[in-house]
Amino acid sequence: MSNKILVTGGTGFLGAYIIRELVEKGYTVRALHRNKKRPFFIPEDVLNRVEWIEGDVLDIVSLDEAMDGVSTVIHAAALVSFGKGDKQEMYQVNKEGTANVVNMALEKNMNRLVHVSSVAALGRTLQGDHVNEERKWTESKLNTHYANSKHLAEMEVWRGMGEGLSAVIVNPSTILGFGDWQNSSCAIFKRVYDGFRWYTTGVNGFVDVEDTAKAIVMLMESAITEQRFIINGDNWTFRQLLTTIAENFNKKPPAIKASKQMSHLAWRLEWLKSLFTGKKPLLTRESAKVAGSRTYFENDKIRAALPGFSFTPLEESIKKACKKYEEAIKNGDLKL
């Protein structure tokens, strides 16, 4: 079998950085994508060295074609949404799409599968508990539909491992970095740039996108199998995150504390606004759950598994990203 690596979700935020990491390390890369729009935040000379296949993890025919002659798959394709209208599609893409990838990998006797999950699949807490890889999924009102869809996707990967597939699961926390700030977690930067004034008392894990891609490729190269790894740089309050971004943009930091009652009102107002504008609400009932939770994600296991690997301090990651966002605005790559 060839040494070709397939990345699903190649035009997504994390998927694009995984591709860059692979190309820069000399791998032959094929990428499955649903649209022809290339990620502007990745150098063109990197993207030109990728074999692009338009398709979908829900389309068995295109998936079969994409995985033909491939030795390893990094499955990064997923739908991240906290909107009620996206629920059905999200379960299809995240659960059924992962099942298709696993089944095809087994059929084609793949050497390796790296499944990109999320810390959401481990669950969240209200009281500031610490979460590591040993945590078992439990039903909770704090769990979003996105979290549940990623948990179900993981079950498909564990099934594949039970059938002989060499695989590893990674659970990144909220990924930060330079990308398309109209989408994914990059939208945090745009909201702060636009003058977002509210903050919550929630605590969450955050990690640099380049660190995440590097850790994923290193785990791909290892012989580790039938394990999961949390990829988390540090745990910050949402206020600390928003304030740090604001300071790097020379904007006023958020100064109004959003109580639980105000959060409930805010997502309802956003929903009403979306009815008139036709745009997806910036805040939903589901995302309000995340903003109000207090969860500390540990990273001891991945540090021990990858000697020489280290996480970039969040202050440094944010400073670098903000500078690139400002440059992209000047160059016309980003819309205000």
C-alpha atoms as a PDB file:
ATOM      1  CA  MET A   1       0.000   0.000   0.000  1.00  0.00           C
ATOM      2  CA  SER A   2       1.167   3.545  -0.720  1.00  0.00           C
ATOM      3  CA  ASN A   3       2.224   6.075   1.896  1.00  0.00           C
ATOM      4  CA  LYS A   4      -0.540   8.470   0.856  1.00  0.00           C
ATOM      5  CA  ILE A   5      -2.490  10.229   3.612  1.00  0.00           C
ATOM      6  CA  LEU A   6      -6.155  11.172   3.200  1.00  0.00           C
ATOM      7  CA  VAL A   7      -7.540  14.103   5.174  1.00  0.00           C
ATOM      8  CA  THR A   8     -11.317  14.468   5.311  1.00  0.00           C
ATOM      9  CA  GLY A   9     -12.602  17.992   5.883  1.00  0.00           C
ATOM     10  CA  GLY A  10      -9.550  19.377   4.135  1.00  0.00           C
ATOM     11  CA  THR A  11     -10.909  22.894   3.653  1.00  0.00           C
ATOM     12  CA  GLY A  12     -12.018  23.245   7.274  1.00  0.00           C
ATOM     13  CA  PHE A  13     -10.122  25.236   9.883  1.00  0.00           C
ATOM     14  CA  LEU A  14      -8.250  22.369  11.549  1.00  0.00           C
ATOM     15  CA  GLY A  15      -8.217  20.161   8.452  1.00  0.00           C
ATOM     16  CA  ALA A  16      -6.356  22.818   6.488  1.00  0.00           C
ATOM     17  CA  TYR A  17      -3.651  23.116   9.153  1.00  0.00           C
ATOM     18  CA  ILE A  18      -3.307  19.330   9.309  1.00  0.00           C
ATOM     19  CA  ILE A  19      -2.730  19.355   5.558  1.00  0.00           C
ATOM     20  CA  ARG A  20      -0.056  22.033   5.923  1.00  0.00           C
ATOM     21  CA  GLU A  21       1.700  20.026   8.646  1.00  0.00           C
ATOM     22  CA  LEU A  22       1.669  16.876   6.505  1.00  0.00           C
ATOM     23  CA  VAL A  23       2.879  18.610   3.342  1.00  0.00           C
ATOM     24  CA  GLU A  24       5.675  20.395   5.180  1.00  0.00           C
ATOM     25  CA  LYS A  25       6.807  17.039   6.589  1.00  0.00           C
ATOM     26  CA  GLY A  26       6.998  15.582   3.087  1.00  0.00           C
ATOM     27  CA  TYR A  27       3.900  13.387   3.009  1.00  0.00           C
ATOM     28  CA  THR A  28       1.846  12.747  -0.105  1.00  0.00           C
ATOM     29  CA  VAL A  29      -1.566  14.186   0.737  1.00  0.00           C
ATOM     30  CA  ARG A  30      -5.027  13.703  -0.682  1.00  0.00           C
ATOM     31  CA  ALA A  31      -7.916  15.778   0.674  1.00  0.00           C
ATOM     32  CA  LEU A  32     -11.664  15.239   0.544  1.00  0.00           C
ATOM     33  CA  HIS A  33     -13.701  18.429   0.446  1.00  0.00           C
ATOM     34  CA  ARG A  34     -17.326  19.407  -0.136  1.00  0.00           C
ATOM     35  CA  ASN A  35     -16.689  22.678  -1.976  1.00  0.00           C
ATOM     36  CA  LYS A  36     -14.019  24.168  -4.194  1.00  0.00           C
ATOM     37  CA  LYS A  37     -13.268  27.110  -1.927  1.00  0.00           C
ATOM     38  CA  ARG A  38      -9.678  26.817  -0.790  1.00  0.00           C
ATOM     39  CA  PRO A  39      -8.636  28.025   2.667  1.00  0.00           C
ATOM     40  CA  PHE A  40      -7.022  31.430   2.080  1.00  0.00           C
ATOM     41  CA  PHE A  41      -5.145  31.173   5.380  1.00  0.00           C
ATOM     42  CA  ILE A  42      -2.903  28.365   4.097  1.00  0.00           C
ATOM     43  CA  PRO A  43      -0.063  29.200   1.635  1.00  0.00           C
ATOM     44  CA  GLU A  44      -0.985  28.493  -1.973  1.00  0.00           C
ATOM     45  CA  ASP A  45       2.204  26.525  -2.597  1.00  0.00           C
ATOM     46  CA  VAL A  46       1.093  24.086   0.127  1.00  0.00           C
ATOM     47  CA  LEU A  47      -2.413  23.702  -1.308  1.00  0.00           C
ATOM     48  CA  ASN A  48      -1.033  23.106  -4.801  1.00  0.00           C
ATOM     49  CA  ARG A  49       0.823  20.032  -3.541  1.00  0.00           C
ATOM     50  CA  VAL A  50      -2.430  18.379  -2.430  1.00  0.00           C
ATOM     51  CA  GLU A  51      -4.558  16.041  -4.524  1.00  0.00           C
ATOM     52  CA  TRP A  52      -8.078  17.415  -4.039  1.00  0.00           C
ATOM     53  CA  ILE A  53     -11.136  15.200  -4.418  1.00  0.00           C
ATOM     54  CA  GLU A  54     -14.568  16.759  -4.242  1.00  0.00           C
ATOM     55  CA  GLY A  55     -16.883  14.534  -2.244  1.00  0.00           C
ATOM     56  CA  ASP A  56     -18.593  13.876   1.033  1.00  0.00           C
ATOM     57  CA  VAL A  57     -18.284  11.376   3.870  1.00  0.00           C
ATOM     58  CA  LEU A  58     -21.998  10.681   3.373  1.00  0.00           C
ATOM     59  CA  ASP A  59     -21.390   9.806  -0.283  1.00  0.00           C
ATOM     60  CA  ILE A  60     -20.049   6.251  -0.305  1.00  0.00           C
ATOM     61  CA  VAL A  61     -18.960   6.430  -3.952  1.00  0.00           C
ATOM     62  CA  SER A  62     -16.806   9.556  -3.512  1.00  0.00           C
ATOM     63  CA  LEU A  63     -15.471   8.229  -0.202  1.00  0.00           C
ATOM     64  CA  ASP A  64     -14.486   4.945  -1.857  1.00  0.00           C
ATOM     65  CA  GLU A  65     -12.634   6.879  -4.562  1.00  0.00           C
ATOM     66  CA  ALA A  66     -10.912   9.134  -2.041  1.00  0.00           C
ATOM     67  CA  MET A  67      -9.706   6.207   0.081  1.00  0.00           C
ATOM     68  CA  ASP A  68      -8.460   4.123  -2.834  1.00  0.00           C
ATOM     69  CA  GLY A  69      -4.705   3.585  -2.597  1.00  0.00           C
ATOM     70  CA  VAL A  70      -4.454   5.368   0.744  1.00  0.00           C
ATOM     71  CA  SER A  71      -2.582   3.977   3.760  1.00  0.00           C
ATOM     72  CA  THR A  72      -3.806   6.347   6.468  1.00  0.00           C
ATOM     73  CA  VAL A  73      -6.861   8.503   7.078  1.00  0.00           C
ATOM     74  CA  ILE A  74      -7.090  11.549   9.308  1.00  0.00           C
ATOM     75  CA  HIS A  75     -10.818  12.038   9.718  1.00  0.00           C
ATOM     76  CA  ALA A  76     -11.355  15.734  10.471  1.00  0.00           C
ATOM     77  CA  ALA A  77     -14.642  16.269   8.623  1.00  0.00           C
ATOM     78  CA  ALA A  78     -17.454  17.290  10.978  1.00  0.00           C
ATOM     79  CA  LEU A  79     -20.298  19.722  11.295  1.00  0.00           C
ATOM     80  CA  VAL A  80     -20.011  22.013  14.303  1.00  0.00           C
ATOM     81  CA  SER A  81     -23.235  23.815  15.106  1.00  0.00           C
ATOM     82  CA  PHE A  82     -25.290  24.870  18.092  1.00  0.00           C
ATOM     83  CA  GLY A  83     -28.278  25.833  15.956  1.00  0.00           C
ATOM     84  CA  LYS A  84     -31.485  23.814  16.196  1.00  0.00           C
ATOM     85  CA  GLY A  85     -31.961  23.805  12.435  1.00  0.00           C
ATOM     86  CA  ASP A  86     -28.655  22.020  11.844  1.00  0.00           C
ATOM     87  CA  LYS A  87     -29.306  19.169  14.277  1.00  0.00           C
ATOM     88  CA  GLN A  88     -30.367  16.484  11.807  1.00  0.00           C
ATOM     89  CA  GLU A  89     -27.562  17.206   9.346  1.00  0.00           C
ATOM     90  CA  MET A  90     -25.039  17.348  12.180  1.00  0.00           C
ATOM     91  CA  TYR A  91     -25.941  13.865  13.414  1.00  0.00           C
ATOM     92  CA  GLN A  92     -25.747  12.559   9.852  1.00  0.00           C
ATOM     93  CA  VAL A  93     -22.338  14.063   9.092  1.00  0.00           C
ATOM     94  CA  ASN A  94     -20.759  13.383  12.464  1.00  0.00           C
ATOM     95  CA  LYS A  95     -22.147   9.940  13.279  1.00  0.00           C
ATOM     96  CA  GLU A  96     -23.102   8.370   9.942  1.00  0.00           C
ATOM     97  CA  GLY A  97     -20.194   9.994   8.132  1.00  0.00           C
ATOM     98  CA  THR A  98     -17.750   8.587  10.676  1.00  0.00           C
ATOM     99  CA  ALA A  99     -19.360   5.150  10.385  1.00  0.00           C
ATOM    100  CA  ASN A 100     -18.786   5.312   6.617  1.00  0.00           C
ATOM    101  CA  VAL A 101     -15.122   6.252   7.078  1.00  0.00           C
ATOM    102  CA  VAL A 102     -14.584   3.439   9.583  1.00  0.00           C
ATOM    103  CA  ASN A 103     -16.314   0.851   7.392  1.00  0.00           C
ATOM    104  CA  MET A 104     -14.339   1.879   4.321  1.00  0.00           C
ATOM    105  CA  ALA A 105     -11.066   1.848   6.277  1.00  0.00           C
ATOM    106  CA  LEU A 106     -11.803  -1.712   7.398  1.00  0.00           C
ATOM    107  CA  GLU A 107     -12.785  -2.783   3.891  1.00  0.00           C
ATOM    108  CA  LYS A 108      -9.586  -1.377   2.397  1.00  0.00           C
ATOM    109  CA  ASN A 109      -7.345  -2.700   5.213  1.00  0.00           C
ATOM    110  CA  MET A 110      -6.045   0.736   6.155  1.00  0.00           C
ATOM    111  CA  ASN A 111      -2.870   0.911   8.196  1.00  0.00           C
ATOM    112  CA  ARG A 112      -4.086   3.754  10.378  1.00  0.00           C
ATOM    113  CA  LEU A 113      -7.015   6.003  11.296  1.00  0.00           C
ATOM    114  CA  VAL A 114      -6.836   9.171  13.368  1.00  0.00           C
ATOM    115  CA  HIS A 115     -10.279  10.358  14.379  1.00  0.00           C
ATOM    116  CA  VAL A 116     -10.656  14.022  15.303  1.00  0.00           C
ATOM    117  CA  SER A 117     -13.302  14.219  17.994  1.00  0.00           C
ATOM    118  CA  SER A 118     -13.771  16.985  20.587  1.00  0.00           C
ATOM    119  CA  VAL A 119     -13.603  17.485  24.335  1.00  0.00           C
ATOM    120  CA  ALA A 120     -17.350  18.010  23.978  1.00  0.00           C
ATOM    121  CA  ALA A 121     -17.608  14.215  23.642  1.00  0.00           C
ATOM    122  CA  LEU A 122     -16.250  13.891  27.190  1.00  0.00           C
ATOM    123  CA  GLY A 123     -18.921  16.127  28.709  1.00  0.00           C
ATOM    124  CA  ARG A 124     -18.844  19.380  30.666  1.00  0.00           C
ATOM    125  CA  THR A 125     -19.338  20.380  34.290  1.00  0.00           C
ATOM    126  CA  LEU A 126     -20.828  23.310  36.184  1.00  0.00           C
ATOM    127  CA  GLN A 127     -18.674  23.164  39.295  1.00  0.00           C
ATOM    128  CA  GLY A 128     -15.199  23.454  37.784  1.00  0.00           C
ATOM    129  CA  ASP A 129     -14.340  19.744  37.722  1.00  0.00           C
ATOM    130  CA  HIS A 130     -11.232  18.433  35.976  1.00  0.00           C
ATOM    131  CA  VAL A 131     -11.749  16.130  32.995  1.00  0.00           C
ATOM    132  CA  ASN A 132      -9.212  13.656  31.649  1.00  0.00           C
ATOM    133  CA  GLU A 133      -9.246  10.761  29.190  1.00  0.00           C
ATOM    134  CA  GLU A 134     -10.717   8.381  31.765  1.00  0.00           C
ATOM    135  CA  ARG A 135     -13.975  10.273  31.977  1.00  0.00           C
ATOM    136  CA  LYS A 136     -16.984   8.271  30.860  1.00  0.00           C
ATOM    137  CA  TRP A 137     -19.821   9.812  28.874  1.00  0.00           C
ATOM    138  CA  THR A 138     -22.877  10.514  30.986  1.00  0.00           C
ATOM    139  CA  GLU A 139     -26.185  12.033  29.991  1.00  0.00           C
ATOM    140  CA  SER A 140     -26.461  15.624  31.210  1.00  0.00           C
ATOM    141  CA  LYS A 141     -28.410  18.804  30.508  1.00  0.00           C
ATOM    142  CA  LEU A 142     -25.030  20.434  29.866  1.00  0.00           C
ATOM    143  CA  ASN A 143     -24.407  18.226  26.841  1.00  0.00           C
ATOM    144  CA  THR A 144     -25.208  19.870  23.521  1.00  0.00           C
ATOM    145  CA  HIS A 145     -26.424  18.011  20.450  1.00  0.00           C
ATOM    146  CA  TYR A 146     -22.973  18.621  18.971  1.00  0.00           C
ATOM    147  CA  ALA A 147     -21.405  16.869  21.966  1.00  0.00           C
ATOM    148  CA  ASN A 148     -23.789  13.937  21.646  1.00  0.00           C
ATOM    149  CA  SER A 149     -23.133  13.614  17.905  1.00  0.00           C
ATOM    150  CA  LYS A 150     -19.365  13.486  18.537  1.00  0.00           C
ATOM    151  CA  HIS A 151     -19.836  10.919  21.293  1.00  0.00           C
ATOM    152  CA  LEU A 152     -21.830   8.714  18.906  1.00  0.00           C
ATOM    153  CA  ALA A 153     -19.143   9.194  16.246  1.00  0.00           C
ATOM    154  CA  GLU A 154     -16.529   7.968  18.704  1.00  0.00           C
ATOM    155  CA  MET A 155     -18.580   4.840  19.312  1.00  0.00           C
ATOM    156  CA  GLU A 156     -18.209   4.033  15.612  1.00  0.00           C
ATOM    157  CA  VAL A 157     -14.430   4.374  15.875  1.00  0.00           C
ATOM    158  CA  TRP A 158     -14.273   2.159  18.961  1.00  0.00           C
ATOM    159  CA  ARG A 159     -16.333  -0.398  17.026  1.00  0.00           C
ATOM    160  CA  GLY A 160     -13.803  -0.243  14.215  1.00  0.00           C
ATOM    161  CA  MET A 161     -10.954  -0.803  16.653  1.00  0.00           C
ATOM    162  CA  GLY A 162     -12.832  -3.818  17.992  1.00  0.00           C
ATOM    163  CA  GLU A 163     -12.861  -5.178  14.435  1.00  0.00           C
ATOM    164  CA  GLY A 164      -9.097  -4.793  14.078  1.00  0.00           C
ATOM    165  CA  LEU A 165      -8.616  -1.197  12.907  1.00  0.00           C
ATOM    166  CA  SER A 166      -5.488   0.553  14.195  1.00  0.00           C
ATOM    167  CA  ALA A 167      -6.869   3.881  15.329  1.00  0.00           C
ATOM    168  CA  VAL A 168      -6.474   6.676  17.820  1.00  0.00           C
ATOM    169  CA  ILE A 169      -8.967   9.343  18.921  1.00  0.00           C
ATOM    170  CA  VAL A 170      -8.034  12.944  19.653  1.00  0.00           C
ATOM    171  CA  ASN A 171     -10.193  15.337  21.646  1.00  0.00           C
ATOM    172  CA  PRO A 172      -9.142  18.944  21.000  1.00  0.00           C
ATOM    173  CA  SER A 173     -10.576  21.696  23.158  1.00  0.00           C
ATOM    174  CA  THR A 174     -11.699  24.986  21.549  1.00  0.00           C
ATOM    175  CA  ILE A 175      -9.175  25.658  18.785  1.00  0.00           C
ATOM    176  CA  LEU A 176      -7.724  29.141  18.387  1.00  0.00           C
ATOM    177  CA  GLY A 177      -5.781  30.644  15.511  1.00  0.00           C
ATOM    178  CA  PHE A 178      -5.930  32.431  12.182  1.00  0.00           C
ATOM    179  CA  GLY A 179      -8.644  31.290   9.796  1.00  0.00           C
ATOM    180  CA  ASP A 180     -11.930  32.355   8.252  1.00  0.00           C
ATOM    181  CA  TRP A 181     -13.539  34.329  11.064  1.00  0.00           C
ATOM    182  CA  GLN A 182     -16.974  33.887   9.545  1.00  0.00           C
ATOM    183  CA  ASN A 183     -16.864  30.235  10.562  1.00  0.00           C
ATOM    184  CA  SER A 184     -15.814  27.825  13.319  1.00  0.00           C
ATOM    185  CA  SER A 185     -14.186  28.985  16.547  1.00  0.00           C
ATOM    186  CA  CYS A 186     -12.458  31.726  14.534  1.00  0.00           C
ATOM    187  CA  ALA A 187     -15.729  33.666  14.861  1.00  0.00           C
ATOM    188  CA  ILE A 188     -14.672  34.494  18.443  1.00  0.00           C
ATOM    189  CA  PHE A 189     -12.077  36.875  17.032  1.00  0.00           C
ATOM    190  CA  LYS A 190     -14.601  38.652  14.801  1.00  0.00           C
ATOM    191  CA  ARG A 191     -17.085  39.135  17.626  1.00  0.00           C
ATOM    192  CA  VAL A 192     -14.428  40.768  19.778  1.00  0.00           C
ATOM    193  CA  TYR A 193     -13.186  42.866  16.853  1.00  0.00           C
ATOM    194  CA  ASP A 194     -16.769  44.060  16.331  1.00  0.00           C
ATOM    195  CA  GLY A 195     -16.934  45.246  19.933  1.00  0.00           C
ATOM    196  CA  PHE A 196     -18.631  42.416  21.829  1.00  0.00           C
ATOM    197  CA  ARG A 197     -19.367  43.760  25.326  1.00  0.00           C
ATOM    198  CA  TRP A 198     -20.531  40.725  27.327  1.00  0.00           C
ATOM    199  CA  TYR A 199     -18.681  38.046  29.230  1.00  0.00           C
ATOM    200  CA  THR A 200     -19.663  34.964  31.210  1.00  0.00           C
ATOM    201  CA  THR A 201     -18.037  33.331  34.224  1.00  0.00           C
ATOM    202  CA  GLY A 202     -17.569  30.040  32.383  1.00  0.00           C
ATOM    203  CA  VAL A 203     -14.233  28.211  32.115  1.00  0.00           C
ATOM    204  CA  ASN A 204     -13.144  26.250  29.064  1.00  0.00           C
ATOM    205  CA  GLY A 205     -10.104  24.680  27.461  1.00  0.00           C
ATOM    206  CA  PHE A 206      -8.362  26.339  24.519  1.00  0.00           C
ATOM    207  CA  VAL A 207      -5.550  25.233  22.218  1.00  0.00           C
ATOM    208  CA  ASP A 208      -3.505  26.632  19.329  1.00  0.00           C
ATOM    209  CA  VAL A 209      -4.524  25.279  15.904  1.00  0.00           C
ATOM    210  CA  GLU A 210      -0.921  24.687  14.829  1.00  0.00           C
ATOM    211  CA  ASP A 211      -0.195  22.768  18.035  1.00  0.00           C
ATOM    212  CA  THR A 212      -3.303  20.665  17.421  1.00  0.00           C
ATOM    213  CA  ALA A 213      -2.260  19.780  13.864  1.00  0.00           C
ATOM    214  CA  LYS A 214       1.267  18.938  14.989  1.00  0.00           C
ATOM    215  CA  ALA A 215       0.047  16.661  17.802  1.00  0.00           C
ATOM    216  CA  ILE A 216      -2.347  14.863  15.435  1.00  0.00           C
ATOM    217  CA  VAL A 217       0.392  14.121  12.906  1.00  0.00           C
ATOM    218  CA  MET A 218       2.759  12.964  15.647  1.00  0.00           C
ATOM    219  CA  LEU A 219       0.113  10.566  16.958  1.00  0.00           C
ATOM    220  CA  MET A 220      -0.493   9.366  13.402  1.00  0.00           C
ATOM    221  CA  GLU A 221       3.196   8.533  13.125  1.00  0.00           C
ATOM    222  CA  SER A 222       3.211   6.648  16.421  1.00  0.00           C
ATOM    223  CA  ALA A 223       2.257   3.025  17.056  1.00  0.00           C
ATOM    224  CA  ILE A 224      -0.308   4.020  19.679  1.00  0.00           C
ATOM    225  CA  THR A 225      -3.728   2.499  19.137  1.00  0.00           C
ATOM    226  CA  GLU A 226      -7.029   2.015  20.958  1.00  0.00           C
ATOM    227  CA  GLN A 227      -6.509   5.172  23.021  1.00  0.00           C
ATOM    228  CA  ARG A 228      -7.792   8.733  23.183  1.00  0.00           C
ATOM    229  CA  PHE A 229      -5.887  11.952  23.868  1.00  0.00           C
ATOM    230  CA  ILE A 230      -7.123  15.339  25.017  1.00  0.00           C
ATOM    231  CA  ILE A 231      -5.367  18.141  23.130  1.00  0.00           C
ATOM    232  CA  ASN A 232      -5.664  21.221  25.335  1.00  0.00           C
ATOM    233  CA  GLY A 233      -3.231  24.065  25.817  1.00  0.00           C
ATOM    234  CA  ASP A 234      -4.732  25.754  28.851  1.00  0.00           C
ATOM    235  CA  ASN A 235      -7.964  26.447  30.703  1.00  0.00           C
ATOM    236  CA  TRP A 236      -9.141  30.048  30.783  1.00  0.00           C
ATOM    237  CA  THR A 237     -12.274  31.889  31.738  1.00  0.00           C
ATOM    238  CA  PHE A 238     -14.193  33.219  28.760  1.00  0.00           C
ATOM    239  CA  ARG A 239     -13.618  36.710  30.137  1.00  0.00           C
ATOM    240  CA  GLN A 240      -9.841  36.229  30.113  1.00  0.00           C
ATOM    241  CA  LEU A 241     -10.003  34.957  26.538  1.00  0.00           C
ATOM    242  CA  LEU A 242     -12.170  37.806  25.256  1.00  0.00           C
ATOM    243  CA  THR A 243     -10.137  40.413  27.121  1.00  0.00           C
ATOM    244  CA  THR A 244      -6.835  39.130  25.722  1.00  0.00           C
ATOM    245  CA  ILE A 245      -8.180  39.173  22.168  1.00  0.00           C
ATOM    246  CA  ALA A 246      -9.607  42.675  22.656  1.00  0.00           C
ATOM    247  CA  GLU A 247      -6.301  44.020  23.963  1.00  0.00           C
ATOM    248  CA  ASN A 248      -4.437  42.630  20.943  1.00  0.00           C
ATOM    249  CA  PHE A 249      -6.960  44.273  18.616  1.00  0.00           C
ATOM    250  CA  ASN A 250      -6.752  47.533  20.612  1.00  0.00           C
ATOM    251  CA  LYS A 251     -10.464  47.235  21.344  1.00  0.00           C
ATOM    252  CA  LYS A 252     -12.342  47.750  24.583  1.00  0.00           C
ATOM    253  CA  PRO A 253     -12.558  44.488  26.525  1.00  0.00           C
ATOM    254  CA  PRO A 254     -15.967  43.097  27.509  1.00  0.00           C
ATOM    255  CA  ALA A 255     -17.167  44.785  30.689  1.00  0.00           C
ATOM    256  CA  ILE A 256     -20.732  43.563  31.219  1.00  0.00           C
ATOM    257  CA  LYS A 257     -21.196  40.328  33.121  1.00  0.00           C
ATOM    258  CA  ALA A 258     -23.926  38.165  31.621  1.00  0.00           C
ATOM    259  CA  SER A 259     -25.956  36.471  34.326  1.00  0.00           C
ATOM    260  CA  LYS A 260     -27.763  33.195  33.691  1.00  0.00           C
ATOM    261  CA  GLN A 261     -31.027  35.095  33.222  1.00  0.00           C
ATOM    262  CA  MET A 262     -29.407  37.519  30.795  1.00  0.00           C
ATOM    263  CA  SER A 263     -27.912  34.631  28.810  1.00  0.00           C
ATOM    264  CA  HIS A 264     -31.357  33.084  28.447  1.00  0.00           C
ATOM    265  CA  LEU A 265     -32.736  36.415  27.245  1.00  0.00           C
ATOM    266  CA  ALA A 266     -29.816  36.993  24.878  1.00  0.00           C
ATOM    267  CA  TRP A 267     -30.171  33.739  22.945  1.00  0.00           C
ATOM    268  CA  ARG A 268     -33.911  34.284  22.609  1.00  0.00           C
ATOM    269  CA  LEU A 269     -33.321  37.777  21.203  1.00  0.00           C
ATOM    270  CA  GLU A 270     -30.727  36.374  18.801  1.00  0.00           C
ATOM    271  CA  TRP A 271     -33.262  33.794  17.635  1.00  0.00           C
ATOM    272  CA  LEU A 272     -35.879  36.493  16.978  1.00  0.00           C
ATOM    273  CA  LYS A 273     -33.316  38.580  15.135  1.00  0.00           C
ATOM    274  CA  SER A 274     -32.435  35.621  12.897  1.00  0.00           C
ATOM    275  CA  LEU A 275     -36.079  35.321  11.820  1.00  0.00           C
ATOM    276  CA  PHE A 276     -35.918  38.788  10.270  1.00  0.00           C
ATOM    277  CA  THR A 277     -32.356  38.756   8.938  1.00  0.00           C
ATOM    278  CA  GLY A 278     -32.256  35.168   7.684  1.00  0.00           C
ATOM    279  CA  LYS A 279     -28.801  34.791   9.238  1.00  0.00           C
ATOM    280  CA  LYS A 280     -27.921  32.135  11.779  1.00  0.00           C
ATOM    281  CA  PRO A 281     -28.022  33.466  15.359  1.00  0.00           C
ATOM    282  CA  LEU A 282     -24.657  34.250  16.941  1.00  0.00           C
ATOM    283  CA  LEU A 283     -25.831  32.893  20.283  1.00  0.00           C
ATOM    284  CA  THR A 284     -28.136  29.921  20.779  1.00  0.00           C
ATOM    285  CA  ARG A 285     -29.516  27.987  23.706  1.00  0.00           C
ATOM    286  CA  GLU A 286     -26.865  25.323  23.048  1.00  0.00           C
ATOM    287  CA  SER A 287     -23.885  27.699  22.917  1.00  0.00           C
ATOM    288  CA  ALA A 288     -25.143  29.414  26.075  1.00  0.00           C
ATOM    289  CA  LYS A 289     -24.745  26.061  27.848  1.00  0.00           C
ATOM    290  CA  VAL A 290     -21.073  25.979  26.912  1.00  0.00           C
ATOM    291  CA  ALA A 291     -20.473  29.604  27.910  1.00  0.00           C
ATOM    292  CA  GLY A 292     -21.954  28.963  31.339  1.00  0.00           C
ATOM    293  CA  SER A 293     -20.119  25.723  32.121  1.00  0.00           C
ATOM    294  CA  ARG A 294     -16.896  25.516  34.115  1.00  0.00           C
ATOM    295  CA  THR A 295     -14.676  22.657  32.953  1.00  0.00           C
ATOM    296  CA  TYR A 296     -10.919  22.145  33.231  1.00  0.00           C
ATOM    297  CA  PHE A 297      -9.450  19.756  30.662  1.00  0.00           C
ATOM    298  CA  GLU A 298      -6.183  17.996  31.528  1.00  0.00           C
ATOM    299  CA  ASN A 299      -3.352  17.370  29.053  1.00  0.00           C
ATOM    300  CA  ASP A 300      -0.888  15.199  31.020  1.00  0.00           C
ATOM    301  CA  LYS A 301      -1.456  12.104  28.863  1.00  0.00           C
ATOM    302  CA  ILE A 302      -0.517  13.647  25.525  1.00  0.00           C
ATOM    303  CA  ARG A 303       2.509  15.380  27.045  1.00  0.00           C
ATOM    304  CA  ALA A 304       3.753  12.005  28.255  1.00  0.00           C
ATOM    305  CA  ALA A 305       2.976  10.256  24.960  1.00  0.00           C
ATOM    306  CA  LEU A 306       4.760  12.809  22.746  1.00  0.00           C
ATOM    307  CA  PRO A 307       8.232  13.604  24.130  1.00  0.00           C
ATOM    308  CA  GLY A 308       9.480  16.950  22.851  1.00  0.00           C
ATOM    309  CA  PHE A 309       5.994  18.252  22.133  1.00  0.00           C
ATOM    310  CA  SER A 310       4.900  21.402  23.949  1.00  0.00           C
ATOM    311  CA  PHE A 311       1.928  23.744  23.834  1.00  0.00           C
ATOM    312  CA  THR A 312       2.218  27.355  22.737  1.00  0.00           C
ATOM    313  CA  PRO A 313       1.158  29.786  25.508  1.00  0.00           C
ATOM    314  CA  LEU A 314      -2.327  31.092  24.709  1.00  0.00           C
ATOM    315  CA  GLU A 315      -1.187  34.707  25.002  1.00  0.00           C
ATOM    316  CA  GLU A 316       1.335  34.049  22.229  1.00  0.00           C
ATOM    317  CA  SER A 317      -1.197  32.209  20.052  1.00  0.00           C
ATOM    318  CA  ILE A 318      -3.742  35.014  20.361  1.00  0.00           C
ATOM    319  CA  LYS A 319      -1.186  37.740  19.662  1.00  0.00           C
ATOM    320  CA  LYS A 320      -0.032  35.949  16.509  1.00  0.00           C
ATOM    321  CA  ALA A 321      -3.580  35.310  15.316  1.00  0.00           C
ATOM    322  CA  CYS A 322      -4.765  38.882  15.899  1.00  0.00           C
ATOM    323  CA  LYS A 323      -1.841  40.232  13.911  1.00  0.00           C
ATOM    324  CA  LYS A 324      -2.689  37.940  10.999  1.00  0.00           C
ATOM    325  CA  TYR A 325      -6.376  38.884  11.143  1.00  0.00           C
ATOM    326  CA  GLU A 326      -5.473  42.567  10.905  1.00  0.00           C
ATOM    327  CA  GLU A 327      -3.172  41.879   7.950  1.00  0.00           C
ATOM    328  CA  ALA A 328      -5.924  39.865   6.224  1.00  0.00           C
ATOM    329  CA  ILE A 329      -8.366  42.779   6.676  1.00  0.00           C
ATOM    330  CA  LYS A 330      -5.884  45.151   5.008  1.00  0.00           C
ATOM    331  CA  ASN A 331      -5.319  42.682   2.166  1.00  0.00           C
ATOM    332  CA  GLY A 332      -9.042  42.241   1.605  1.00  0.00           C
ATOM    333  CA  ASP A 333      -9.028  38.523   2.510  1.00  0.00           C
ATOM    334  CA  LEU A 334     -11.512  39.070   5.327  1.00  0.00           C
ATOM    335  CA  LYS A 335     -14.819  40.913   5.324  1.00  0.00           C
ATOM    336  CA  LEU A 336     -15.746  43.140   8.249  1.00  0.00           C
END
